[in-house]
């Protein structure tokens, strides 16, 4: 029985370890990489898949560092271990009046240099 405990524990932790690393941004989604800012919202997405997210709403302020888990169409999933969330992208990155813009979770964001 004592020999089985480490094996059982290892088997339980393996799925968590498999989700510990961020997924790098794929080449076809490279336009998503950057520092995006809008009204009360900021998303910083690095090429290596690290994501920083800030959002200020009445009664709720979020400031998170999470990992990219992948893209599903224009949307992208982020998370840490088993906790995941989807950013819904209604307008993917595009040029507008010389600036990069996209709309995420209903907020228009502009890429800053």
Protein backbone atom coordinates (compact mmCIF):
# COMPACT_ATOMS: atom_id res chain seq x y z
CA UNK A 1 0.00 0.00 0.00
CA UNK A 2 2.82 2.44 0.80
CA UNK A 3 4.30 1.93 -2.67
CA UNK A 4 0.98 2.73 -4.35
CA UNK A 5 0.54 6.15 -2.72
CA UNK A 6 3.38 7.87 -4.64
CA UNK A 7 2.11 6.33 -7.90
CA UNK A 8 -1.46 7.45 -7.26
CA UNK A 9 -0.29 10.94 -6.29
CA UNK A 10 1.89 11.16 -9.42
CA UNK A 11 -1.00 10.06 -11.61
CA UNK A 12 -3.24 12.74 -10.07
CA UNK A 13 -0.68 15.51 -10.51
CA UNK A 14 0.25 14.63 -14.09
CA UNK A 15 -2.78 16.34 -15.68
CA UNK A 16 -2.02 19.49 -13.68
CA UNK A 17 1.61 19.51 -14.77
CA UNK A 18 0.56 19.05 -18.40
CA UNK A 19 -1.46 22.27 -18.22
CA UNK A 20 1.17 24.30 -16.39
CA UNK A 21 2.91 25.81 -19.44
CA UNK A 22 1.38 28.49 -21.68
CA UNK A 23 0.75 27.78 -25.36
CA UNK A 24 2.80 30.09 -27.61
CA UNK A 25 0.81 32.29 -29.99
CA UNK A 26 0.62 30.49 -33.36
CA UNK A 27 2.03 32.34 -36.41
CA UNK A 28 -1.43 32.86 -37.94
CA UNK A 29 -2.54 34.72 -34.76
CA UNK A 30 0.58 36.90 -34.32
CA UNK A 31 -1.55 40.06 -34.76
CA UNK A 32 -3.00 39.34 -31.29
CA UNK A 33 0.41 39.84 -29.65
CA UNK A 34 0.85 43.21 -27.96
CA UNK A 35 -0.40 45.62 -25.35
CA UNK A 36 -4.10 46.30 -25.93
CA UNK A 37 -5.93 49.03 -24.04
CA UNK A 38 -9.50 50.25 -23.93
CA UNK A 39 -12.03 51.72 -21.54
CA UNK A 40 -11.30 50.17 -18.14
CA UNK A 41 -9.58 47.14 -19.73
CA UNK A 42 -6.03 46.11 -20.66
CA UNK A 43 -4.74 42.85 -22.16
CA UNK A 44 -1.05 42.20 -22.68
CA UNK A 45 -0.45 39.09 -24.76
CA UNK A 46 3.16 37.96 -25.23
CA UNK A 47 4.36 35.75 -28.06
CA UNK A 48 5.29 33.03 -25.52
CA UNK A 49 1.65 32.81 -24.35
CA UNK A 50 1.88 34.81 -21.13
CA UNK A 51 -1.20 37.00 -20.62
CA UNK A 52 -1.71 39.93 -18.26
CA UNK A 53 -5.28 41.11 -17.87
CA UNK A 54 -6.67 44.12 -16.01
CA UNK A 55 -10.28 45.19 -15.90
CA UNK A 56 -11.96 47.75 -13.69
CA UNK A 57 -15.71 47.51 -13.27
CA UNK A 58 -17.97 48.93 -10.57
CA UNK A 59 -17.41 46.82 -7.47
CA UNK A 60 -14.98 44.48 -9.21
CA UNK A 61 -11.34 45.04 -10.20
CA UNK A 62 -9.35 42.23 -11.79
CA UNK A 63 -5.58 42.08 -12.20
CA UNK A 64 -4.47 38.64 -13.39
CA UNK A 65 -1.44 36.93 -14.89
CA UNK A 66 -2.58 33.82 -16.75
CA UNK A 67 -1.41 31.51 -19.54
CA UNK A 68 -2.74 31.22 -23.06
CA UNK A 69 -4.38 27.81 -23.50
CA UNK A 70 -5.20 28.17 -27.21
CA UNK A 71 -7.40 29.77 -29.83
CA UNK A 72 -10.88 28.73 -30.90
CA UNK A 73 -11.57 30.70 -34.07
CA UNK A 74 -11.07 34.36 -33.14
CA UNK A 75 -11.60 33.71 -29.42
CA UNK A 76 -8.79 32.67 -27.10
CA UNK A 77 -8.73 30.66 -23.90
CA UNK A 78 -6.59 31.51 -20.90
CA UNK A 79 -6.12 29.87 -17.54
CA UNK A 80 -4.01 28.44 -14.81
CA UNK A 81 -4.21 24.70 -14.12
CA UNK A 82 -7.88 23.70 -14.22
CA UNK A 83 -9.34 27.24 -14.13
CA UNK A 84 -10.07 28.50 -17.65
CA UNK A 85 -11.80 31.46 -19.22
CA UNK A 86 -12.55 32.48 -22.80
CA UNK A 87 -12.02 35.94 -24.21
CA UNK A 88 -14.72 36.47 -26.82
CA UNK A 89 -13.31 38.40 -29.78
CA UNK A 90 -16.14 39.92 -31.84
CA UNK A 91 -13.70 41.90 -34.02
CA UNK A 92 -10.25 40.33 -34.46
CA UNK A 93 -7.15 42.54 -34.82
CA UNK A 94 -7.46 44.89 -37.78
CA UNK A 95 -6.08 48.23 -38.97
CA UNK A 96 -8.35 51.23 -38.56
CA UNK A 97 -7.13 54.79 -39.27
CA UNK A 98 -3.52 53.62 -38.97
CA UNK A 99 -4.01 51.90 -35.59
CA UNK A 100 -4.48 48.26 -34.65
CA UNK A 101 -7.87 47.59 -33.01
CA UNK A 102 -9.86 44.60 -31.82
CA UNK A 103 -13.01 44.12 -29.76
CA UNK A 104 -12.83 41.70 -26.83
CA UNK A 105 -15.73 40.95 -24.48
CA UNK A 106 -17.57 43.94 -25.94
CA UNK A 107 -14.71 46.42 -25.33
CA UNK A 108 -12.88 48.07 -28.23
CA UNK A 109 -9.13 47.86 -27.61
CA UNK A 110 -6.29 49.68 -29.35
CA UNK A 111 -2.75 48.31 -29.55
CA UNK A 112 -0.23 50.67 -27.96
CA UNK A 113 3.44 50.78 -28.90
